[in-house]
Amino acid sequence: MDQTLQFVIPALMGVESTVAWELKKLGLSNVRAENGRVLCQGGPADIPRMNLNLRCGARVLLSLGTFRAQTFEELFQGVLSVPWEDYIPREGRFPVKGYSISSTLHSVPACQSIVKKALCTRLGRAYGLETLPETGTLYQVQFSILKDSATVLLDTSGDSLYKRGYRARNMGAPLRETLAAALVLLSRYKGREPFCDPFCGSGTIPIEAALIAKNRAPGLNRSFAAQRWGWVPSRLWMEAADEAEAREFHGAYDIWGGDIDPAAVELSRHNAELAGVGDVVRFEAADAARFRREEPRGRVVTNPPYGERLLEKREAEELYRAFGRAARGLPPGWEVDVLSSHTEFERAFGRQADKKRKLYNGMIKCDLFLYGR
């Protein structure tokens, strides 16, 4: 299968441009960022390359068709026109899920039923069967209907790409690995100066920083749905893994994570070992209010408790106030990036941010406060 394939990479709101940068760096063509997703073109070999290497994208979806669908008949015919037999074998399982936004066809269960019916009709004709067995490999079908424009896709990733395989559990409110990686990339950290997270929790930000410093592909320790698809040869996965491993760096890095909770520190060390960076990151039980570094330059990237789930807002403000005093004691070459949803963060921290960037931590609307830019 040598034809050009169309891909859709869902992304957290606010990090679409970072995902687009990643895709261009991987050599994908016609990269275009939109709200909540990035579009691009590539070939079958790019399916393993994207799944293994993307740090900030949510998953890799293969787009198989886009068409107008204001009626159930138009939806049925549009799905029926896709050559599904080129992708889904006779025994393949093909469950359907999707969403509809601002469209005439607003009932998702009804649309789901029509898409499934069209798929069964097309594949039944292709394989000469009235009933398809659906006992084999999973081919998760997705559909999206946005302003009466329908798109049908196959999910090549399986579990979302934030599931790197190194975090079995987390401390309190979790920060997804994809967002943690985006924070590190937005800080412009490249492994040259000290990197610190004084509120490390389960260690996600320092671990992602270590993976970035080492240029280690984040997907090397997990599997993907498309690894079991016959039309994506296994040699492409092996070649992509070899390519990724050959690009790794093997230097010395100063990456530190601190947390006031000793249990969080132990969990962070465990997660770092699972991620293969236990020899790169140092974790310590430490109070962020007493955070100090003497080096002339460095980066702080951190996600302190917001007050919604882990602390009351007043307690959160006291924490920000104490950390703000500590941050102001750092040498002038340090840059500090703080992710928070607290509307009064800057007042509590004691300083207006030099820059701000809107991001979402799950469904929580946040700002990334940038100091030292």
Protein backbone atom coordinates (compact mmCIF):
# COMPACT_ATOMS: atom_id res chain seq x y z
CA MET A 1 0.00 0.00 0.00
CA ASP A 2 2.00 2.97 -1.31
CA GLN A 3 -0.70 5.61 -1.67
CA THR A 4 -0.74 8.84 0.30
CA LEU A 5 -2.69 8.47 3.53
CA GLN A 6 -4.57 11.21 5.38
CA PHE A 7 -4.09 11.44 9.16
CA VAL A 8 -5.85 13.27 11.96
CA ILE A 9 -4.03 13.76 15.27
CA PRO A 10 -6.37 14.91 18.09
CA ALA A 11 -4.66 17.27 20.52
CA LEU A 12 -5.42 19.07 23.76
CA MET A 13 -6.62 22.62 23.20
CA GLY A 14 -3.65 24.95 23.24
CA VAL A 15 -0.97 22.47 22.15
CA GLU A 16 -2.01 22.02 18.50
CA SER A 17 0.95 24.10 17.25
CA THR A 18 3.35 21.94 19.30
CA VAL A 19 1.90 18.76 17.75
CA ALA A 20 2.20 20.36 14.29
CA TRP A 21 5.87 21.11 15.00
CA GLU A 22 6.43 17.48 16.03
CA LEU A 23 4.83 16.20 12.82
CA LYS A 24 6.93 18.49 10.62
CA LYS A 25 10.04 17.34 12.47
CA LEU A 26 9.06 13.74 11.63
CA GLY A 27 8.77 14.67 7.96
CA LEU A 28 4.99 14.49 7.53
CA SER A 29 3.60 16.64 4.71
CA ASN A 30 0.73 19.14 4.43
CA VAL A 31 0.65 19.64 8.20
CA ARG A 32 -2.26 21.86 9.26
CA ALA A 33 -3.26 22.74 12.81
CA GLU A 34 -6.94 23.25 13.64
CA ASN A 35 -8.83 23.59 16.91
CA GLY A 36 -8.30 20.37 18.86
CA ARG A 37 -6.55 18.49 16.06
CA VAL A 38 -3.75 18.49 13.50
CA LEU A 39 -4.08 17.15 9.94
CA CYS A 40 -1.22 15.73 7.87
CA GLN A 41 -0.34 13.32 5.07
CA GLY A 42 2.08 10.39 4.95
CA GLY A 43 2.46 6.73 4.09
CA PRO A 44 2.06 3.39 5.93
CA ALA A 45 5.58 3.70 7.38
CA ASP A 46 4.51 6.90 9.13
CA ILE A 47 1.90 5.02 11.22
CA PRO A 48 4.56 3.41 13.45
CA ARG A 49 6.79 6.49 13.31
CA MET A 50 4.06 8.80 14.61
CA ASN A 51 2.79 6.37 17.24
CA LEU A 52 6.28 5.77 18.61
CA ASN A 53 7.55 9.35 18.50
CA LEU A 54 4.68 11.78 19.13
CA ARG A 55 4.93 13.30 22.60
CA CYS A 56 1.91 15.64 22.62
CA GLY A 57 -0.70 14.17 20.25
CA ALA A 58 -3.57 12.14 21.72
CA ARG A 59 -3.68 9.36 19.11
CA VAL A 60 -3.05 8.71 15.39
CA LEU A 61 -6.25 8.41 13.35
CA LEU A 62 -6.28 7.34 9.70
CA SER A 63 -8.88 9.38 7.81
CA LEU A 64 -10.63 7.29 5.12
CA GLY A 65 -13.26 9.69 3.82
CA THR A 66 -15.01 13.03 4.31
CA PHE A 67 -18.42 13.82 2.85
CA ARG A 68 -21.56 15.88 3.39
CA ALA A 69 -24.18 14.16 5.57
CA GLN A 70 -27.39 16.00 6.40
CA THR A 71 -29.54 12.85 6.18
CA PHE A 72 -29.11 9.26 7.33
CA GLU A 73 -29.12 8.19 3.67
CA GLU A 74 -26.23 10.53 2.88
CA LEU A 75 -24.34 9.19 5.90
CA PHE A 76 -25.02 5.58 4.84
CA GLN A 77 -23.93 6.15 1.23
CA GLY A 78 -20.85 8.11 2.27
CA VAL A 79 -19.65 5.31 4.55
CA LEU A 80 -20.59 2.67 1.95
CA SER A 81 -18.38 4.37 -0.66
CA VAL A 82 -15.19 3.85 1.41
CA PRO A 83 -13.11 0.77 0.39
CA TRP A 84 -13.16 -0.73 3.88
CA GLU A 85 -12.06 -4.13 2.58
CA ASP A 86 -8.63 -2.60 1.85
CA TYR A 87 -8.17 -2.09 5.59
CA ILE A 88 -10.43 -4.49 7.52
CA PRO A 89 -10.03 -8.24 6.86
CA ARG A 90 -12.81 -10.84 6.78
CA GLU A 91 -12.61 -11.69 10.51
CA GLY A 92 -11.79 -8.17 11.71
CA ARG A 93 -13.74 -6.59 14.60
CA PHE A 94 -14.93 -3.09 13.79
CA PRO A 95 -16.82 -1.40 16.64
CA VAL A 96 -17.97 2.17 15.92
CA LYS A 97 -17.89 5.28 18.08
CA GLY A 98 -18.02 8.99 17.32
CA TYR A 99 -19.55 12.38 17.93
CA SER A 100 -21.73 15.00 16.25
CA ILE A 101 -21.39 18.76 16.80
CA SER A 102 -23.55 21.53 15.29
CA SER A 103 -25.04 19.14 12.73
CA THR A 104 -28.48 18.11 11.46
CA LEU A 105 -27.71 14.51 12.43
CA HIS A 106 -27.37 15.15 16.15
CA SER A 107 -28.21 11.71 17.61
CA VAL A 108 -24.89 9.94 18.13
CA PRO A 109 -26.42 6.46 18.77
CA ALA A 110 -28.47 6.74 15.54
CA CYS A 111 -25.41 7.82 13.55
CA GLN A 112 -23.40 5.02 15.13
CA SER A 113 -26.02 2.50 13.99
CA ILE A 114 -26.04 3.83 10.40
CA VAL A 115 -22.24 3.80 10.15
CA LYS A 116 -22.14 0.21 11.43
CA LYS A 117 -24.87 -0.86 8.99
CA ALA A 118 -23.00 0.67 6.03
CA LEU A 119 -19.77 -1.01 7.11
CA CYS A 120 -21.47 -4.40 7.38
CA THR A 121 -23.06 -3.94 3.96
CA ARG A 122 -19.76 -3.02 2.27
CA LEU A 123 -17.66 -5.71 3.94
CA GLY A 124 -20.42 -8.33 3.55
CA ARG A 125 -20.46 -7.72 -0.19
CA ALA A 126 -16.64 -7.77 -0.39
CA TYR A 127 -16.34 -11.10 1.46
CA GLY A 128 -19.56 -12.73 0.23
CA LEU A 129 -21.05 -13.01 3.72
CA GLU A 130 -24.45 -12.13 5.13
CA THR A 131 -23.08 -12.06 8.67
CA LEU A 132 -19.50 -11.05 9.43
CA PRO A 133 -17.76 -13.06 12.20
CA GLU A 134 -15.96 -10.13 13.92
CA THR A 135 -13.76 -12.55 15.86
CA GLY A 136 -10.33 -11.27 14.83
CA THR A 137 -8.12 -8.21 15.24
CA LEU A 138 -9.63 -4.92 16.43
CA TYR A 139 -10.14 -2.11 13.91
CA GLN A 140 -11.72 0.70 15.92
CA VAL A 141 -13.84 2.85 13.58
CA GLN A 142 -14.52 6.46 14.52
CA PHE A 143 -16.75 9.07 12.94
CA SER A 144 -17.04 12.79 13.44
CA ILE A 145 -19.83 14.99 12.13
CA LEU A 146 -19.06 18.69 12.37
CA LYS A 147 -21.41 21.21 10.76
CA ASP A 148 -22.87 18.45 8.54
CA SER A 149 -19.42 17.33 7.32
CA ALA A 150 -18.80 13.68 8.20
CA THR A 151 -15.38 12.03 8.45
CA VAL A 152 -14.75 8.31 9.03
CA LEU A 153 -11.49 7.13 10.54
CA LEU A 154 -9.55 4.13 11.87
CA ASP A 155 -7.74 4.42 15.19
CA THR A 156 -4.18 3.14 14.72
CA SER A 157 -3.12 3.76 18.34
CA GLY A 158 -5.46 1.76 20.55
CA ASP A 159 -4.86 3.19 24.02
CA SER A 160 -4.34 6.96 23.95
CA LEU A 161 -0.74 8.06 23.39
CA TYR A 162 -0.54 9.60 26.85
CA LYS A 163 -0.43 6.03 28.21
CA ARG A 164 3.33 5.62 27.92
CA GLY A 165 3.37 2.53 30.11
CA TYR A 166 5.42 3.94 32.99
CA ARG A 167 2.70 5.28 35.30
CA ALA A 168 0.63 2.55 36.92
CA ARG A 169 -0.93 5.05 39.33
CA ASN A 170 -0.61 8.72 40.22
CA MET A 171 -0.72 11.05 43.20
CA GLY A 172 -4.01 12.97 43.44
CA ALA A 173 -4.97 14.98 40.35
CA PRO A 174 -3.06 13.54 37.38
CA LEU A 175 -1.29 15.53 34.67
CA ARG A 176 -1.39 13.63 31.40
CA GLU A 177 1.96 12.70 29.95
CA THR A 178 1.11 14.42 26.65
CA LEU A 179 0.45 17.74 28.43
CA ALA A 180 3.57 17.34 30.59
CA ALA A 181 5.64 16.85 27.44
CA ALA A 182 4.03 19.92 25.87
CA LEU A 183 4.95 22.01 28.94
CA VAL A 184 8.57 20.88 28.63
CA LEU A 185 8.68 21.61 24.89
CA LEU A 186 7.05 25.02 25.40
CA SER A 187 9.77 25.83 27.95
CA ARG A 188 12.35 25.31 25.16
CA TYR A 189 14.29 22.88 27.33
CA LYS A 190 16.86 20.91 25.34
CA GLY A 191 18.84 19.17 28.07
CA ARG A 192 21.64 21.70 28.41
CA GLU A 193 20.78 23.45 31.69
CA PRO A 194 19.28 22.31 35.03
CA PHE A 195 15.57 21.40 34.91
CA CYS A 196 13.43 21.39 38.05
CA ASP A 197 9.87 20.61 39.13
CA PRO A 198 9.27 21.49 42.81
CA PHE A 199 5.72 19.98 42.77
CA CYS A 200 6.58 16.74 40.99
CA GLY A 201 3.66 14.56 42.23
CA SER A 202 4.09 11.23 40.44
CA GLY A 203 7.08 12.58 38.49
CA THR A 204 5.45 13.08 35.10
CA ILE A 205 7.03 16.43 34.16
CA PRO A 206 10.64 15.49 35.09
CA ILE A 207 10.25 12.09 33.41
CA GLU A 208 8.99 13.70 30.19
CA ALA A 209 11.87 16.20 30.43
CA ALA A 210 14.30 13.29 30.68
CA LEU A 211 12.76 11.58 27.65
CA ILE A 212 13.09 14.85 25.71
CA ALA A 213 16.67 15.45 26.87
CA LYS A 214 17.63 11.91 25.80
CA ASN A 215 15.56 12.24 22.60
CA ARG A 216 13.96 8.93 23.58
CA ALA A 217 10.76 8.01 21.73
CA PRO A 218 7.93 7.94 24.32
CA GLY A 219 6.15 4.96 22.73
CA LEU A 220 8.96 2.42 22.82
CA ASN A 221 7.62 0.66 25.95
CA ARG A 222 4.06 -0.01 24.73
CA SER A 223 2.07 -1.58 21.90
CA PHE A 224 -0.38 -0.11 19.38
CA ALA A 225 -3.52 -1.32 17.63
CA ALA A 226 -2.04 -1.14 14.13
CA GLN A 227 0.80 -3.50 15.07
CA ARG A 228 -1.72 -6.31 14.52
CA TRP A 229 -2.95 -5.05 11.14
CA GLY A 230 -1.84 -7.15 8.18
CA TRP A 231 -1.49 -4.20 5.78
CA VAL A 232 1.02 -2.44 8.07
CA PRO A 233 3.99 -4.83 7.79
CA SER A 234 5.80 -5.72 11.04
CA ARG A 235 9.09 -4.68 9.48
CA LEU A 236 7.83 -1.05 9.44
CA TRP A 237 7.44 -1.19 13.24
CA MET A 238 10.90 -2.67 13.68
CA GLU A 239 12.42 -0.08 11.33
CA ALA A 240 10.66 2.76 13.17
CA ALA A 241 11.89 1.45 16.55
CA ASP A 242 15.46 1.05 15.24
CA GLU A 243 15.33 4.57 13.79
CA ALA A 244 14.08 5.99 17.10
CA GLU A 245 16.71 4.18 19.18
CA ALA A 246 19.50 5.31 16.83
CA ARG A 247 18.51 8.94 17.44
CA GLU A 248 18.80 8.74 21.23
CA PHE A 249 21.34 10.89 23.08
CA HIS A 250 23.47 9.53 25.92
CA GLY A 251 24.67 12.56 27.87
CA ALA A 252 24.66 13.74 31.48
CA TYR A 253 21.62 15.78 32.54
CA ASP A 254 20.61 17.71 35.65
CA ILE A 255 16.88 16.95 36.03
CA TRP A 256 15.32 17.21 39.49
CA GLY A 257 11.88 16.65 40.96
CA GLY A 258 10.81 17.52 44.48
CA ASP A 259 7.64 16.95 46.49
CA ILE A 260 6.77 17.49 50.12
CA ASP A 261 5.17 14.02 50.25
CA PRO A 262 7.77 11.21 50.60
CA ALA A 263 5.26 8.71 49.10
CA ALA A 264 5.10 10.85 45.94
CA VAL A 265 8.89 10.86 45.74
CA GLU A 266 9.05 7.07 46.00
CA LEU A 267 6.38 6.70 43.32
CA SER A 268 8.23 9.15 41.06
CA ARG A 269 11.42 7.10 41.37
CA HIS A 270 9.48 3.94 40.54
CA ASN A 271 7.87 5.57 37.47
CA ALA A 272 11.24 6.89 36.28
CA GLU A 273 12.69 3.38 36.44
CA LEU A 274 9.76 2.05 34.38
CA ALA A 275 10.32 4.83 31.84
CA GLY A 276 14.00 3.93 31.52
CA VAL A 277 15.22 7.26 32.90
CA GLY A 278 15.84 6.31 36.54
CA ASP A 279 19.53 7.11 36.07
CA VAL A 280 18.74 10.55 34.62
CA VAL A 281 16.26 12.11 37.08
CA ARG A 282 16.81 12.83 40.80
CA PHE A 283 13.80 12.94 43.11
CA GLU A 284 13.85 14.29 46.66
CA ALA A 285 11.41 15.02 49.45
CA ALA A 286 11.51 18.83 49.49
CA ASP A 287 9.37 21.85 50.36
CA ALA A 288 8.71 24.09 47.32
CA ALA A 289 8.65 27.10 49.67
CA ARG A 290 12.37 26.49 50.30
CA PHE A 291 13.32 25.80 46.68
CA ARG A 292 16.84 27.10 45.91
CA ARG A 293 19.33 26.71 43.07
CA GLU A 294 22.68 28.47 42.66
CA GLU A 295 23.39 27.78 38.96
CA PRO A 296 23.26 30.95 36.80
CA ARG A 297 20.72 29.47 34.35
CA GLY A 298 17.99 26.84 34.45
CA ARG A 299 14.35 25.94 33.93
CA VAL A 300 11.50 25.39 36.35
CA VAL A 301 8.38 23.77 34.87
CA THR A 302 5.73 22.85 37.38
CA ASN A 303 2.05 22.14 37.98
CA PRO A 304 1.20 23.00 41.60
CA PRO A 305 -2.18 22.06 43.12
CA TYR A 306 -4.97 24.32 41.84
CA GLY A 307 -7.34 24.35 44.79
CA GLU A 308 -10.19 22.56 42.96
CA ARG A 309 -9.34 18.98 43.85
CA LEU A 310 -6.27 18.78 46.08
CA LEU A 311 -6.38 21.91 48.23
CA GLU A 312 -8.83 24.58 49.17
CA LYS A 313 -8.24 27.76 47.16
CA ARG A 314 -6.99 29.69 50.19
CA GLU A 315 -4.42 27.01 50.93
CA ALA A 316 -3.40 27.02 47.26
CA GLU A 317 -2.87 30.78 47.38
CA GLU A 318 -0.64 30.42 50.44
CA LEU A 319 1.35 27.79 48.56
CA TYR A 320 1.71 30.07 45.51
CA ARG A 321 2.78 32.96 47.75
CA ALA A 322 5.51 30.90 49.40
CA PHE A 323 6.71 29.43 46.10
CA GLY A 324 6.68 32.92 44.52
CA ARG A 325 9.08 34.15 47.22
CA ALA A 326 11.36 31.17 46.56
CA ALA A 327 11.25 31.73 42.77
CA ARG A 328 12.21 35.39 43.17
CA GLY A 329 15.36 34.22 44.96
CA LEU A 330 16.60 32.30 41.91
CA PRO A 331 19.49 33.75 39.83
CA PRO A 332 18.27 36.05 37.00
CA GLY A 333 19.05 33.50 34.25
CA TRP A 334 16.32 31.11 35.46
CA GLU A 335 13.00 30.77 33.65
CA VAL A 336 9.91 29.63 35.58
CA ASP A 337 6.78 28.19 33.92
CA VAL A 338 3.76 27.44 36.11
CA LEU A 339 0.50 25.78 34.98
CA SER A 340 -2.51 26.81 37.07
CA SER A 341 -6.26 27.22 36.76
CA HIS A 342 -6.39 29.61 39.72
CA THR A 343 -7.79 32.98 38.54
CA GLU A 344 -5.74 34.85 41.16
CA PHE A 345 -2.47 33.03 40.59
CA GLU A 346 -0.36 36.06 39.59
CA ARG A 347 -1.55 38.10 42.57
CA ALA A 348 -0.75 35.24 44.96
CA PHE A 349 2.58 34.47 43.26
CA GLY A 350 3.54 38.11 43.67
CA ARG A 351 4.39 38.94 40.08
CA GLN A 352 2.68 39.40 36.73
CA ALA A 353 3.73 36.81 34.15
CA ASP A 354 5.93 37.97 31.28
CA LYS A 355 3.76 35.86 28.98
CA LYS A 356 0.68 33.65 29.33
CA ARG A 357 -0.63 30.78 27.25
CA LYS A 358 -4.09 29.21 27.53
CA LEU A 359 -4.11 25.42 27.91
CA TYR A 360 -6.47 22.71 29.12
CA ASN A 361 -5.56 20.10 31.74
CA GLY A 362 -8.28 17.60 30.85
CA MET A 363 -11.47 19.66 31.10
CA ILE A 364 -9.88 22.28 33.38
CA LYS A 365 -9.13 25.59 31.68
CA CYS A 366 -5.65 26.75 32.74
CA ASP A 367 -3.01 29.34 32.02
CA LEU A 368 0.66 28.62 31.60
CA PHE A 369 2.37 31.53 33.37
CA LEU A 370 5.80 32.21 31.87
CA TYR A 371 8.42 34.10 33.88
CA GLY A 372 11.91 35.14 32.73
CA ARG A 373 11.09 35.39 29.04
